[in-house]
Amino acid sequence: MKLKSQEIRQIAPEMDPLRMGMGWKEEDLKKPQIIVESTFGDSHPGSAHLFELVQEAVKGISDNGGKAARYFATDICDGMAQGHDGINYSLVSREIITDMIEIHIKATTFDSGVFISSCDKAVPAHLMAMGRVNIPSIIVTGGVMDAGPDLLTLEQIGMYSAMYERGEITMEQLNYYKHNACPSCGACSFMGTASTMQIMAEALGLMLPGSALMPAMCEDLRDVAYRAGKQSIEIIRLGLKARDIVTMKSFENAIMVHAAISGSSNSLLHIPAIAHEFGYELDADTFDRMHRGAHYILDIRPAGKWPAQYFYYAGGVPRIMEEIKNMLHLDVMTITGKTLGENLEDLKNSNYYNKCDEYLKKIKRERTDIIRRFEKPIGKDGTIAILKGNLAPEGAVVKHSAVPKEMHKATLRVRPFDCEEDAIAAVLNKNIRPGDAVIIRYEGPKGSGMPEMFYTTEAIASDEELAKTIALITDGRFSGATKGPAIGHVSPEAADGGPIALLEEGDIIELDIPERVLRIIGIKGERKSLEEIDNILSERKKDWKPKQKKYFSGVLKLFSEHAVSPMKGGYMD
């Protein structure tokens, strides 16, 4: 077994004494050297508990003849960043964590890596780094928090906050919900971006089978971290680097799983960015094509009924894969050194499903309450659609499974806002009427870092009348918890002079999700031909002036200058 770390020792004489200076023994220097990279930190519940998993992974490495080195690049929390400029730093944090891990691994050579993370940008960043550095690598995800009283979960807080602002509940009621929504560590207990990306990591073949989105506080997860540490040595012996495992077939498997679980729309930023680091170009049209006709079978919030902790109880990713087996590439390689099909057979012959059934008994639910049978899906046309037209020539994203049927086809009048703050004020002050298209622009990667429009979507979704009669259309993005008539990632974005920047009050938009259409069909309340509209937009473009740049220094300046289109993944080129 030829180890890169041992080659570097021979040409870097300071390496040995520096490592011994932090307590390494002479025999440790000759062992396979494994980086244990995590986002542990007191930043939010998804990362605060990860050190325990780090220590379990270290034990597994040591027990299998390796030597671990713990490294940390802590992530931020979108929830804590909401409602202020902090949310603008969210997407770019994915890039910076990826860069930091590249530095950690390239500056000091390692033979393998264990990556431990839980949340929205951390898991994508770890997957991107695994593709970029391409060493033998395995990921452990930190699981999901418990639900609160009466199955209260965090994504409901935006709704309750909007209800309070409208005078529908008291401050005492709001505080009760706020104080009980996060009863433990772990990712938020709904199928948001964190939960989705944990599942995507397993679907790509980079996790131990059945280990994604486990309850964060269960003992099973500690065992997974220990076994992952041991497996990090085995994949060196097998000669399996990250790119040996993840192929285009792996990404296609992940997209099919994404459709089955009604995954977050933010996955359309993350999966193409991950694919790019693995050497593949994956466009949004591939999502649209593969979601068409795909069966959506997971009844988990926000689109469904149950908290995300129930996912593992029902059998997790393996059970989802069993139900959609005919649509998967079962011959892809995985981190176990076996194919996906072999892993699924091994799980059926193990105690895995029996253990899941024991959890189901405790909550008095049947597996099919949570993960439906393929023959009895919640929906039969996937959950994500890519809309195109003269408003979004490069595309826009909608999670149609969360959109009321009344809004799948609509003609809407434009109400443009150049920032989210103005838009949410209009919604809460009842200045938005049925039939409006609330346009929030200059919130794309180059405009302001592509923040989430979470509070605006929650204000709309919690208003019974507006939720079924208006649409929110933005070049920004949404929380993975978003439900309701929300269309994001409109490209080209306003900061690039895309058509969304040229809309004016009273213009008319046609939305047709079944036909994948988002286009301008009228000007100032009057219908026009598409040719007339093109001419009017061309004239408006002549008078359009770019909005003054928001950032003149720091990381957001870099991001605004180098980010690619959201349709490509929003990474820095």
Protein backbone atom coordinates (compact mmCIF):
# COMPACT_ATOMS: atom_id res chain seq x y z
CA MET A 1 0.00 0.00 0.00
CA LYS A 2 1.81 3.07 -1.30
CA LEU A 3 1.06 6.09 0.89
CA LYS A 4 1.39 9.65 -0.35
CA SER A 5 1.95 10.85 3.21
CA GLN A 6 5.09 8.72 3.48
CA GLU A 7 6.48 10.15 0.24
CA ILE A 8 6.00 13.67 1.58
CA ARG A 9 7.75 12.75 4.86
CA GLN A 10 10.88 11.98 2.87
CA ILE A 11 11.01 15.41 1.25
CA ALA A 12 9.71 17.51 4.19
CA PRO A 13 12.06 16.87 7.15
CA GLU A 14 10.17 19.28 9.41
CA MET A 15 7.02 17.14 9.18
CA ASP A 16 7.99 14.52 11.76
CA PRO A 17 9.23 16.85 14.53
CA LEU A 18 6.24 19.17 14.12
CA ARG A 19 3.82 16.27 14.49
CA MET A 20 5.69 14.88 17.45
CA GLY A 21 5.45 18.35 18.98
CA MET A 22 1.69 17.89 19.27
CA GLY A 23 1.91 14.47 20.86
CA TRP A 24 2.34 12.04 17.98
CA LYS A 25 4.47 8.99 18.72
CA GLU A 26 7.21 7.74 16.44
CA GLU A 27 5.08 4.77 15.33
CA ASP A 28 2.19 7.12 14.41
CA LEU A 29 4.33 8.78 11.76
CA LYS A 30 4.44 5.59 9.67
CA LYS A 31 0.70 4.95 9.71
CA PRO A 32 -1.85 5.96 7.04
CA GLN A 33 -2.63 9.56 7.85
CA ILE A 34 -6.30 10.50 7.76
CA ILE A 35 -7.81 13.97 7.91
CA VAL A 36 -11.04 14.18 9.90
CA GLU A 37 -12.58 17.36 8.56
CA SER A 38 -15.70 18.69 10.28
CA THR A 39 -17.80 21.80 10.67
CA PHE A 40 -17.92 21.39 14.45
CA GLY A 41 -18.43 24.67 16.30
CA ASP A 42 -20.92 26.52 18.47
CA SER A 43 -22.53 27.96 15.37
CA HIS A 44 -25.91 26.18 15.38
CA PRO A 45 -27.53 22.86 16.41
CA GLY A 46 -26.39 21.14 13.22
CA SER A 47 -22.70 21.54 14.10
CA ALA A 48 -22.55 21.88 17.90
CA HIS A 49 -22.69 18.10 18.46
CA LEU A 50 -20.25 17.01 15.75
CA PHE A 51 -17.15 16.79 17.96
CA GLU A 52 -18.49 13.59 19.49
CA LEU A 53 -18.76 12.09 16.00
CA VAL A 54 -15.25 13.33 15.21
CA GLN A 55 -13.92 11.48 18.25
CA GLU A 56 -15.72 8.29 17.24
CA ALA A 57 -14.23 8.51 13.75
CA VAL A 58 -10.78 9.04 15.29
CA LYS A 59 -11.24 5.85 17.34
CA GLY A 60 -12.26 3.90 14.26
CA ILE A 61 -9.20 5.13 12.38
CA SER A 62 -6.89 4.25 15.25
CA ASP A 63 -8.43 0.79 15.70
CA ASN A 64 -7.83 0.05 12.01
CA GLY A 65 -4.18 1.05 11.98
CA GLY A 66 -4.37 4.72 10.97
CA LYS A 67 -3.55 8.05 12.54
CA ALA A 68 -6.16 10.81 12.51
CA ALA A 69 -5.73 14.57 12.36
CA ARG A 70 -8.72 16.74 13.27
CA TYR A 71 -9.37 19.84 11.19
CA PHE A 72 -12.29 22.30 11.42
CA ALA A 73 -13.95 24.80 9.10
CA THR A 74 -17.17 25.80 10.86
CA ASP A 75 -20.30 26.68 8.90
CA ILE A 76 -22.96 29.30 9.55
CA CYS A 77 -26.70 28.83 10.01
CA ASP A 78 -29.21 30.19 7.49
CA GLY A 79 -31.79 30.39 10.26
CA MET A 80 -29.59 32.68 12.39
CA ALA A 81 -28.69 34.68 9.28
CA GLN A 82 -32.33 35.30 8.28
CA GLY A 83 -33.84 38.77 8.32
CA HIS A 84 -30.59 40.72 8.09
CA ASP A 85 -27.55 41.03 5.81
CA GLY A 86 -26.10 37.85 7.31
CA ILE A 87 -28.11 35.74 4.85
CA ASN A 88 -26.08 37.24 1.98
CA TYR A 89 -23.06 35.33 3.33
CA SER A 90 -24.82 31.98 3.21
CA LEU A 91 -24.18 30.70 -0.31
CA VAL A 92 -20.64 32.05 -0.51
CA SER A 93 -19.82 30.21 2.73
CA ARG A 94 -20.10 26.98 0.73
CA GLU A 95 -17.29 28.18 -1.53
CA ILE A 96 -15.07 29.29 1.34
CA ILE A 97 -15.45 26.03 3.27
CA THR A 98 -14.58 24.11 0.09
CA ASP A 99 -11.50 26.28 -0.42
CA MET A 100 -10.44 25.90 3.20
CA ILE A 101 -10.64 22.10 2.99
CA GLU A 102 -8.58 22.15 -0.21
CA ILE A 103 -5.96 24.16 1.66
CA HIS A 104 -6.02 21.79 4.65
CA ILE A 105 -5.51 18.72 2.48
CA LYS A 106 -3.10 20.11 -0.10
CA ALA A 107 -0.88 21.95 2.36
CA THR A 108 -0.38 18.81 4.47
CA THR A 109 -0.78 15.58 2.54
CA PHE A 110 -3.27 12.98 3.74
CA ASP A 111 -3.99 9.48 2.50
CA SER A 112 -7.73 9.55 3.15
CA GLY A 113 -10.43 11.72 4.65
CA VAL A 114 -13.50 11.49 6.85
CA PHE A 115 -15.84 14.45 6.39
CA ILE A 116 -18.43 15.22 9.08
CA SER A 117 -21.17 17.81 8.59
CA SER A 118 -24.93 18.28 8.81
CA CYS A 119 -26.32 21.38 7.20
CA ASP A 120 -27.25 23.43 4.17
CA LYS A 121 -23.87 24.64 2.92
CA ALA A 122 -21.60 22.36 4.94
CA VAL A 123 -22.61 19.06 3.33
CA PRO A 124 -22.43 20.48 -0.23
CA ALA A 125 -19.05 22.07 0.61
CA HIS A 126 -17.69 18.75 1.88
CA LEU A 127 -18.94 16.94 -1.22
CA MET A 128 -17.42 19.62 -3.46
CA ALA A 129 -14.11 19.34 -1.62
CA MET A 130 -14.13 15.55 -1.93
CA GLY A 131 -14.47 15.90 -5.69
CA ARG A 132 -11.85 18.62 -5.92
CA VAL A 133 -9.06 17.01 -3.87
CA ASN A 134 -9.92 13.46 -5.04
CA ILE A 135 -8.45 11.37 -2.27
CA PRO A 136 -10.14 8.29 -0.72
CA SER A 137 -13.00 9.94 1.18
CA ILE A 138 -16.09 9.11 3.20
CA ILE A 139 -18.73 11.43 4.61
CA VAL A 140 -20.68 11.14 7.86
CA THR A 141 -23.70 13.40 8.25
CA GLY A 142 -24.75 14.64 11.67
CA GLY A 143 -28.38 13.64 11.43
CA VAL A 144 -31.57 15.46 12.26
CA MET A 145 -32.93 17.02 15.46
CA ASP A 146 -36.02 15.77 17.25
CA ALA A 147 -39.35 17.47 16.69
CA GLY A 148 -40.76 19.58 19.52
CA PRO A 149 -44.10 19.30 21.37
CA ASP A 150 -46.98 18.26 19.10
CA LEU A 151 -44.35 17.60 16.39
CA LEU A 152 -43.45 21.31 16.21
CA THR A 153 -40.60 21.97 13.75
CA LEU A 154 -38.56 25.07 12.97
CA GLU A 155 -39.94 25.75 9.49
CA GLN A 156 -43.26 26.64 11.13
CA ILE A 157 -41.74 29.62 12.97
CA GLY A 158 -41.83 31.86 9.88
CA MET A 159 -45.55 31.17 9.54
CA TYR A 160 -46.20 31.90 13.23
CA SER A 161 -44.10 35.08 13.02
CA ALA A 162 -46.18 36.32 10.08
CA MET A 163 -49.36 35.45 12.00
CA TYR A 164 -48.11 37.52 14.93
CA GLU A 165 -47.30 40.47 12.65
CA ARG A 166 -50.88 40.33 11.35
CA GLY A 167 -52.25 40.19 14.93
CA GLU A 168 -53.53 36.62 14.61
CA ILE A 169 -51.61 35.21 17.59
CA THR A 170 -50.14 36.74 20.76
CA MET A 171 -46.48 37.32 21.59
CA GLU A 172 -46.85 34.68 24.31
CA GLN A 173 -47.95 32.11 21.71
CA LEU A 174 -45.14 33.09 19.35
CA ASN A 175 -42.56 32.76 22.13
CA TYR A 176 -43.85 29.30 23.01
CA TYR A 177 -43.29 28.14 19.44
CA LYS A 178 -39.86 29.79 19.27
CA HIS A 179 -38.71 28.26 22.56
CA ASN A 180 -39.77 24.71 21.67
CA ALA A 181 -39.01 24.33 17.97
CA CYS A 182 -35.41 23.07 18.37
CA PRO A 183 -35.29 20.60 21.28
CA SER A 184 -31.96 18.96 20.35
CA CYS A 185 -28.92 19.17 18.14
CA GLY A 186 -29.01 18.06 14.52
CA ALA A 187 -30.27 19.49 11.25
CA CYS A 188 -33.76 21.00 11.27
CA SER A 189 -36.46 18.34 11.28
CA PHE A 190 -38.02 18.88 7.86
CA MET A 191 -37.02 18.10 4.27
CA GLY A 192 -35.12 21.34 3.83
CA THR A 193 -31.73 21.75 2.22
CA ALA A 194 -29.80 20.20 5.12
CA SER A 195 -31.90 17.03 5.18
CA THR A 196 -31.95 16.85 1.38
CA MET A 197 -28.20 17.15 1.04
CA GLN A 198 -27.54 14.52 3.72
CA ILE A 199 -29.67 12.17 1.62
CA MET A 200 -27.89 13.24 -1.58
CA ALA A 201 -24.52 12.32 -0.02
CA GLU A 202 -25.71 8.75 0.51
CA ALA A 203 -27.41 8.63 -2.89
CA LEU A 204 -24.04 9.51 -4.48
CA GLY A 205 -22.46 6.46 -2.81
CA LEU A 206 -20.14 8.35 -0.44
CA MET A 207 -21.73 7.29 2.87
CA LEU A 208 -22.17 4.01 4.68
CA PRO A 209 -25.51 2.59 3.50
CA GLY A 210 -28.50 3.61 5.60
CA SER A 211 -26.66 6.31 7.55
CA ALA A 212 -28.13 9.52 6.10
CA LEU A 213 -30.48 11.65 8.19
CA MET A 214 -30.44 9.52 11.32
CA PRO A 215 -31.76 11.07 14.55
CA ALA A 216 -28.80 13.12 15.77
CA MET A 217 -29.10 11.95 19.34
CA CYS A 218 -29.37 8.20 18.66
CA GLU A 219 -26.53 5.81 19.51
CA ASP A 220 -26.69 4.36 15.98
CA LEU A 221 -25.07 7.54 14.64
CA ARG A 222 -22.05 7.23 16.92
CA ASP A 223 -21.56 3.70 15.64
CA VAL A 224 -21.75 4.97 12.06
CA ALA A 225 -19.01 7.54 12.76
CA TYR A 226 -16.79 4.83 14.27
CA ARG A 227 -17.36 2.51 11.30
CA ALA A 228 -16.70 5.35 8.87
CA GLY A 229 -13.34 5.92 10.56
CA LYS A 230 -12.46 2.25 10.06
CA GLN A 231 -13.69 2.36 6.46
CA SER A 232 -11.44 5.33 5.69
CA ILE A 233 -8.51 2.92 5.98
CA GLU A 234 -10.22 0.22 3.91
CA ILE A 235 -10.81 2.55 0.97
CA ILE A 236 -7.07 3.28 0.88
CA ARG A 237 -6.47 -0.47 0.62
CA LEU A 238 -9.14 -0.71 -2.08
CA GLY A 239 -7.57 2.20 -3.95
CA LEU A 240 -10.94 3.97 -4.17
CA LYS A 241 -10.69 7.73 -4.61
CA ALA A 242 -13.78 9.94 -4.60
CA ARG A 243 -13.88 10.23 -8.39
CA ASP A 244 -13.60 6.46 -8.74
CA ILE A 245 -16.95 6.22 -6.97
CA VAL A 246 -18.96 9.19 -8.20
CA THR A 247 -19.84 9.13 -11.91
CA MET A 248 -22.61 10.67 -14.01
CA LYS A 249 -24.69 7.59 -13.20
CA SER A 250 -24.27 8.43 -9.51
CA PHE A 251 -25.63 11.92 -10.11
CA GLU A 252 -28.58 10.49 -12.02
CA ASN A 253 -29.31 8.21 -9.07
CA ALA A 254 -29.20 11.21 -6.74
CA ILE A 255 -31.66 13.15 -8.91
CA MET A 256 -34.11 10.24 -8.92
CA VAL A 257 -33.89 10.04 -5.13
CA HIS A 258 -34.34 13.82 -4.99
CA ALA A 259 -37.59 13.49 -6.93
CA ALA A 260 -38.81 10.69 -4.65
CA ILE A 261 -38.24 12.71 -1.45
CA SER A 262 -39.47 16.11 -2.73
CA GLY A 263 -36.03 17.52 -2.05
CA SER A 264 -35.12 21.17 -1.57
CA SER A 265 -34.97 23.46 -4.61
CA ASN A 266 -31.52 24.56 -3.37
CA SER A 267 -30.26 21.18 -4.56
CA LEU A 268 -30.29 22.72 -8.03
CA LEU A 269 -27.54 25.03 -6.80
CA HIS A 270 -25.60 22.34 -4.96
CA ILE A 271 -25.71 19.20 -7.10
CA PRO A 272 -24.47 20.95 -10.29
CA ALA A 273 -21.71 22.61 -8.23
CA ILE A 274 -20.71 19.23 -6.77
CA ALA A 275 -20.80 17.66 -10.24
CA HIS A 276 -18.54 20.42 -11.51
CA GLU A 277 -15.92 19.54 -8.89
CA PHE A 278 -16.14 15.88 -9.91
CA GLY A 279 -15.55 16.82 -13.55
CA TYR A 280 -19.13 16.71 -14.85
CA GLU A 281 -21.36 19.48 -16.16
CA LEU A 282 -24.91 18.91 -14.95
CA ASP A 283 -27.51 21.43 -16.06
CA ALA A 284 -30.92 22.19 -14.59
CA ASP A 285 -32.66 20.74 -17.63
CA THR A 286 -31.43 17.31 -16.52
CA PHE A 287 -33.39 17.75 -13.28
CA ASP A 288 -36.50 18.72 -15.21
CA ARG A 289 -36.19 15.77 -17.59
CA MET A 290 -35.61 13.22 -14.84
CA HIS A 291 -38.32 14.58 -12.55
CA ARG A 292 -40.97 14.21 -15.26
CA GLY A 293 -42.88 11.04 -14.50
CA ALA A 294 -40.88 10.35 -11.32
CA HIS A 295 -42.89 9.14 -8.32
CA TYR A 296 -42.82 11.32 -5.22
CA ILE A 297 -43.27 9.00 -2.22
CA LEU A 298 -41.99 10.67 0.98
CA ASP A 299 -44.56 12.28 3.30
CA ILE A 300 -42.18 14.58 5.21
CA ARG A 301 -42.59 18.31 5.88
CA PRO A 302 -42.71 20.96 4.51
CA ALA A 303 -44.61 19.43 1.57
CA GLY A 304 -45.73 16.45 3.68
CA LYS A 305 -47.04 15.58 7.12
CA TRP A 306 -44.27 14.21 9.35
CA PRO A 307 -41.00 15.56 10.84
CA ALA A 308 -37.76 14.43 9.21
CA GLN A 309 -36.69 12.22 12.13
CA TYR A 310 -39.34 9.75 10.90
CA PHE A 311 -37.39 9.25 7.66
CA TYR A 312 -34.85 6.92 9.29
CA TYR A 313 -37.58 5.10 11.17
CA ALA A 314 -39.21 4.21 7.85
CA GLY A 315 -36.00 2.80 6.38
CA GLY A 316 -34.16 5.88 5.14
CA VAL A 317 -32.40 6.10 1.80
CA PRO A 318 -32.28 2.30 1.29
CA ARG A 319 -36.08 2.05 1.56
CA ILE A 320 -36.53 4.92 -0.90
CA MET A 321 -34.12 3.17 -3.26
CA GLU A 322 -35.94 -0.15 -2.92
CA GLU A 323 -39.16 1.54 -3.98
CA ILE A 324 -37.62 3.23 -7.05
CA LYS A 325 -35.14 0.43 -7.77
CA ASN A 326 -36.12 0.08 -11.42
CA MET A 327 -35.10 3.69 -12.04
CA LEU A 328 -31.61 3.45 -10.51
CA HIS A 329 -28.20 2.44 -11.82
CA LEU A 330 -27.53 -0.44 -9.44
CA ASP A 331 -24.09 -1.12 -10.88
CA VAL A 332 -22.48 2.09 -9.57
CA MET A 333 -19.57 1.73 -7.13
CA THR A 334 -19.95 2.93 -3.53
CA ILE A 335 -17.76 3.67 -0.53
CA THR A 336 -18.13 0.09 0.72
CA GLY A 337 -16.20 -1.26 -2.27
CA LYS A 338 -19.44 -2.86 -3.43
CA THR A 339 -22.06 -1.75 -5.93
CA LEU A 340 -25.27 -0.04 -4.93
CA GLY A 341 -27.23 -3.19 -5.77
CA GLU A 342 -24.96 -5.31 -3.57
CA ASN A 343 -25.35 -2.84 -0.69
CA LEU A 344 -29.14 -3.00 -0.90
CA GLU A 345 -29.06 -6.79 -0.82
CA ASP A 346 -26.68 -6.77 2.16
CA LEU A 347 -29.03 -4.49 4.10
CA LYS A 348 -31.98 -6.82 3.50
CA ASN A 349 -29.91 -9.67 4.94
CA SER A 350 -28.82 -7.63 7.96
CA ASN A 351 -30.66 -6.26 11.01
CA TYR A 352 -31.11 -2.83 9.41
CA TYR A 353 -34.83 -2.93 8.61
CA ASN A 354 -35.65 -4.75 11.84
CA LYS A 355 -34.07 -1.91 13.78
CA CYS A 356 -36.07 0.62 11.78
CA ASP A 357 -39.26 -1.29 12.53
CA GLU A 358 -38.54 -1.04 16.25
CA TYR A 359 -38.44 2.75 15.94
CA LEU A 360 -41.74 2.69 14.02
CA LYS A 361 -43.40 0.73 16.82
CA LYS A 362 -42.43 3.43 19.31
CA ILE A 363 -44.15 6.16 17.30
CA LYS A 364 -47.08 3.87 16.37
CA ARG A 365 -46.73 4.37 12.64
CA GLU A 366 -46.50 2.11 9.62
CA ARG A 367 -43.64 2.45 7.19
CA THR A 368 -46.07 3.35 4.42
CA ASP A 369 -47.36 6.30 6.48
CA ILE A 370 -43.99 7.91 5.84
CA ILE A 371 -42.51 6.29 2.72
CA ARG A 372 -45.30 5.34 0.33
CA ARG A 373 -45.20 2.37 -1.99
CA PHE A 374 -44.11 3.18 -5.53
CA GLU A 375 -47.54 2.09 -6.78
CA LYS A 376 -49.30 4.53 -4.42
CA PRO A 377 -47.24 7.73 -4.63
CA ILE A 378 -48.15 11.18 -3.39
CA GLY A 379 -47.41 12.46 -6.91
CA LYS A 380 -46.35 11.05 -10.26
CA ASP A 381 -44.52 13.96 -11.89
CA GLY A 382 -41.55 14.55 -9.60
CA THR A 383 -41.36 17.71 -7.55
CA ILE A 384 -39.11 20.17 -9.43
CA ALA A 385 -39.70 21.96 -12.73
CA ILE A 386 -37.49 24.26 -14.78
CA LEU A 387 -39.48 27.11 -16.33
CA LYS A 388 -38.29 29.08 -19.34
CA GLY A 389 -39.48 31.95 -21.49
CA ASN A 390 -38.67 35.58 -22.20
CA LEU A 391 -38.62 36.33 -18.46
CA ALA A 392 -36.14 33.51 -17.72
CA PRO A 393 -34.26 32.65 -20.94
CA GLU A 394 -31.76 30.50 -19.01
CA GLY A 395 -34.41 29.11 -16.68
CA ALA A 396 -36.09 29.41 -13.28
CA VAL A 397 -36.80 26.80 -10.60
CA VAL A 398 -40.11 25.91 -8.98
CA LYS A 399 -40.86 23.15 -6.47
CA HIS A 400 -44.25 22.42 -7.96
CA SER A 401 -45.15 19.80 -5.34
CA ALA A 402 -45.38 22.67 -2.83
CA VAL A 403 -47.39 24.99 -5.11
CA PRO A 404 -51.21 25.06 -4.75
CA LYS A 405 -52.85 23.54 -7.84
CA GLU A 406 -54.69 26.82 -8.40
CA MET A 407 -51.33 28.45 -9.20
CA HIS A 408 -49.97 25.88 -11.65
CA LYS A 409 -51.47 27.98 -14.45
CA ALA A 410 -51.98 31.70 -13.95
CA THR A 411 -51.90 35.12 -15.58
CA LEU A 412 -50.44 37.69 -13.18
CA ARG A 413 -49.74 41.42 -12.99
CA VAL A 414 -46.23 42.53 -12.08
CA ARG A 415 -45.44 44.16 -8.74
CA PRO A 416 -41.65 44.73 -8.83
CA PHE A 417 -39.41 45.25 -5.78
CA ASP A 418 -35.65 45.78 -5.84
CA CYS A 419 -35.07 44.09 -2.47
CA GLU A 420 -36.83 41.59 -0.19
CA GLU A 421 -37.42 44.09 2.63
CA ASP A 422 -39.77 46.18 0.47
CA ALA A 423 -41.60 43.11 -0.78
CA ILE A 424 -42.32 41.61 2.63
CA ALA A 425 -43.56 44.97 3.90
CA ALA A 426 -46.02 45.11 1.01
CA VAL A 427 -47.26 41.60 1.79
CA LEU A 428 -47.69 42.19 5.52
CA ASN A 429 -49.33 45.59 4.99
CA LYS A 430 -51.92 44.04 2.64
CA ASN A 431 -50.64 45.99 -0.37
CA ILE A 432 -50.46 42.80 -2.43
CA ARG A 433 -53.70 41.62 -4.05
CA PRO A 434 -54.86 38.37 -5.67
CA GLY A 435 -53.48 38.09 -9.18
CA ASP A 436 -50.20 39.87 -8.37
CA ALA A 437 -46.74 38.59 -9.25
CA VAL A 438 -44.42 39.77 -6.48
CA ILE A 439 -41.06 40.29 -8.21
CA ILE A 440 -37.97 40.45 -5.98
CA ARG A 441 -34.86 41.24 -7.98
CA TYR A 442 -31.19 42.13 -7.52
CA GLU A 443 -30.99 39.20 -5.07
CA GLY A 444 -29.01 36.81 -7.31
CA PRO A 445 -25.36 35.77 -6.78
CA LYS A 446 -23.98 38.92 -8.40
CA GLY A 447 -26.63 41.19 -6.92
CA SER A 448 -26.41 40.41 -3.21
CA GLY A 449 -24.98 36.91 -2.76
CA MET A 450 -28.27 35.08 -3.51
CA PRO A 451 -29.98 35.14 -0.12
CA GLU A 452 -33.11 33.18 0.75
CA MET A 453 -36.50 34.88 0.46
CA PHE A 454 -37.74 32.86 3.43
CA TYR A 455 -39.76 35.39 5.39
CA THR A 456 -41.58 36.65 2.31
CA THR A 457 -42.54 33.14 1.24
CA GLU A 458 -43.75 32.34 4.76
CA ALA A 459 -45.81 35.54 4.90
CA ILE A 460 -47.46 34.56 1.61
CA ALA A 461 -47.91 30.87 2.44
CA SER A 462 -49.52 31.71 5.80
CA ASP A 463 -52.06 34.03 4.13
CA GLU A 464 -54.82 31.71 2.95
CA GLU A 465 -55.99 34.06 0.20
CA LEU A 466 -52.60 35.08 -1.20
CA ALA A 467 -51.13 31.55 -1.13
CA LYS A 468 -53.58 30.46 -3.81
CA THR A 469 -53.75 33.61 -5.90
CA ILE A 470 -50.27 35.16 -6.29
CA ALA A 471 -46.75 34.10 -7.20
CA LEU A 472 -43.37 35.18 -5.83
CA ILE A 473 -40.75 35.37 -8.58
CA THR A 474 -37.11 36.16 -7.81
CA ASP A 475 -33.54 35.87 -9.01
CA GLY A 476 -32.73 34.96 -5.41
CA ARG A 477 -33.38 31.58 -3.83
CA PHE A 478 -35.64 30.05 -1.22
CA SER A 479 -35.28 28.13 1.98
CA GLY A 480 -35.57 24.38 1.64
CA ALA A 481 -38.59 24.78 3.93
CA THR A 482 -40.41 26.95 1.42
CA LYS A 483 -43.93 26.07 0.44
CA GLY A 484 -46.37 27.95 -1.73
CA PRO A 485 -46.18 29.68 -5.14
CA ALA A 486 -42.46 30.48 -5.18
CA ILE A 487 -40.30 30.63 -8.32
CA GLY A 488 -36.59 31.31 -7.90
CA HIS A 489 -33.16 31.33 -9.52
CA VAL A 490 -34.51 33.43 -12.43
CA SER A 491 -31.64 33.67 -14.90
CA PRO A 492 -30.06 35.83 -16.17
CA GLU A 493 -30.31 37.73 -12.91
CA ALA A 494 -31.17 41.41 -12.61
CA ALA A 495 -27.60 42.45 -11.82
CA ASP A 496 -26.62 41.05 -15.23
CA GLY A 497 -29.41 43.00 -16.93
CA GLY A 498 -31.67 39.98 -17.31
CA PRO A 499 -35.32 40.51 -18.32
CA ILE A 500 -36.37 40.44 -14.64
CA ALA A 501 -34.57 43.82 -14.27
CA LEU A 502 -36.71 45.31 -17.04
CA LEU A 503 -40.15 44.50 -15.64
CA GLU A 504 -42.37 47.44 -14.72
CA GLU A 505 -45.51 47.84 -12.62
CA GLY A 506 -48.55 46.42 -14.38
CA ASP A 507 -46.77 44.22 -16.91
CA ILE A 508 -48.43 40.83 -17.40
CA ILE A 509 -46.79 37.45 -16.80
CA GLU A 510 -47.95 34.00 -17.81
CA LEU A 511 -47.10 31.09 -15.51
CA ASP A 512 -47.70 27.56 -16.82
CA ILE A 513 -45.94 24.90 -14.74
CA PRO A 514 -47.20 21.86 -16.72
CA GLU A 515 -45.83 23.42 -19.92
CA ARG A 516 -42.71 24.75 -18.10
CA VAL A 517 -43.42 28.35 -19.18
CA LEU A 518 -42.61 31.67 -17.47
CA ARG A 519 -42.98 34.59 -19.82
CA ILE A 520 -44.02 38.20 -20.20
CA ILE A 521 -47.20 38.42 -22.30
CA GLY A 522 -48.27 42.03 -21.70
CA ILE A 523 -46.99 45.53 -21.06
CA LYS A 524 -48.65 47.98 -18.64
CA GLY A 525 -51.81 45.89 -18.48
CA GLU A 526 -52.12 45.43 -22.25
CA ARG A 527 -51.45 42.10 -23.96
CA LYS A 528 -48.82 42.20 -26.70
CA SER A 529 -47.29 39.77 -29.16
CA LEU A 530 -43.99 38.18 -28.16
CA GLU A 531 -42.28 40.17 -30.92
CA GLU A 532 -43.72 43.44 -29.59
CA ILE A 533 -42.60 42.53 -26.08
CA ASP A 534 -39.07 41.76 -27.29
CA ASN A 535 -38.91 45.20 -28.93
CA ILE A 536 -40.19 46.95 -25.79
CA LEU A 537 -37.70 45.08 -23.59
CA SER A 538 -34.90 46.08 -25.99
CA GLU A 539 -35.91 49.73 -25.63
CA ARG A 540 -36.07 49.42 -21.83
CA LYS A 541 -32.64 47.79 -21.82
CA LYS A 542 -31.18 50.90 -23.49
CA ASP A 543 -32.36 53.00 -20.54
CA TRP A 544 -31.49 50.42 -17.89
CA LYS A 545 -28.58 51.24 -15.61
CA PRO A 546 -26.92 48.63 -13.42
CA LYS A 547 -27.75 49.00 -9.77
CA GLN A 548 -24.85 50.32 -7.74
CA LYS A 549 -22.71 47.46 -6.48
CA LYS A 550 -23.51 46.45 -2.94
CA TYR A 551 -20.06 45.25 -1.88
CA PHE A 552 -16.71 46.95 -2.43
CA SER A 553 -14.49 44.67 -0.36
CA GLY A 554 -14.37 41.27 1.22
CA VAL A 555 -15.72 37.88 0.26
CA LEU A 556 -19.03 39.10 -1.16
CA LYS A 557 -17.16 41.38 -3.56
CA LEU A 558 -15.27 38.31 -4.80
CA PHE A 559 -18.45 36.26 -5.02
CA SER A 560 -20.37 38.93 -6.94
CA GLU A 561 -17.51 39.18 -9.45
CA HIS A 562 -16.95 35.46 -10.00
CA ALA A 563 -20.21 33.57 -9.36
CA VAL A 564 -21.66 31.68 -12.32
CA SER A 565 -25.38 31.52 -13.08
CA PRO A 566 -27.64 29.78 -10.55
CA MET A 567 -28.60 27.43 -13.39
CA LYS A 568 -24.98 26.19 -13.37
CA GLY A 569 -24.68 25.95 -9.57
CA GLY A 570 -23.74 29.48 -8.46
CA TYR A 571 -20.14 28.48 -7.74
CA MET A 572 -17.19 30.83 -8.16
CA ASP A 573 -15.49 30.34 -11.49
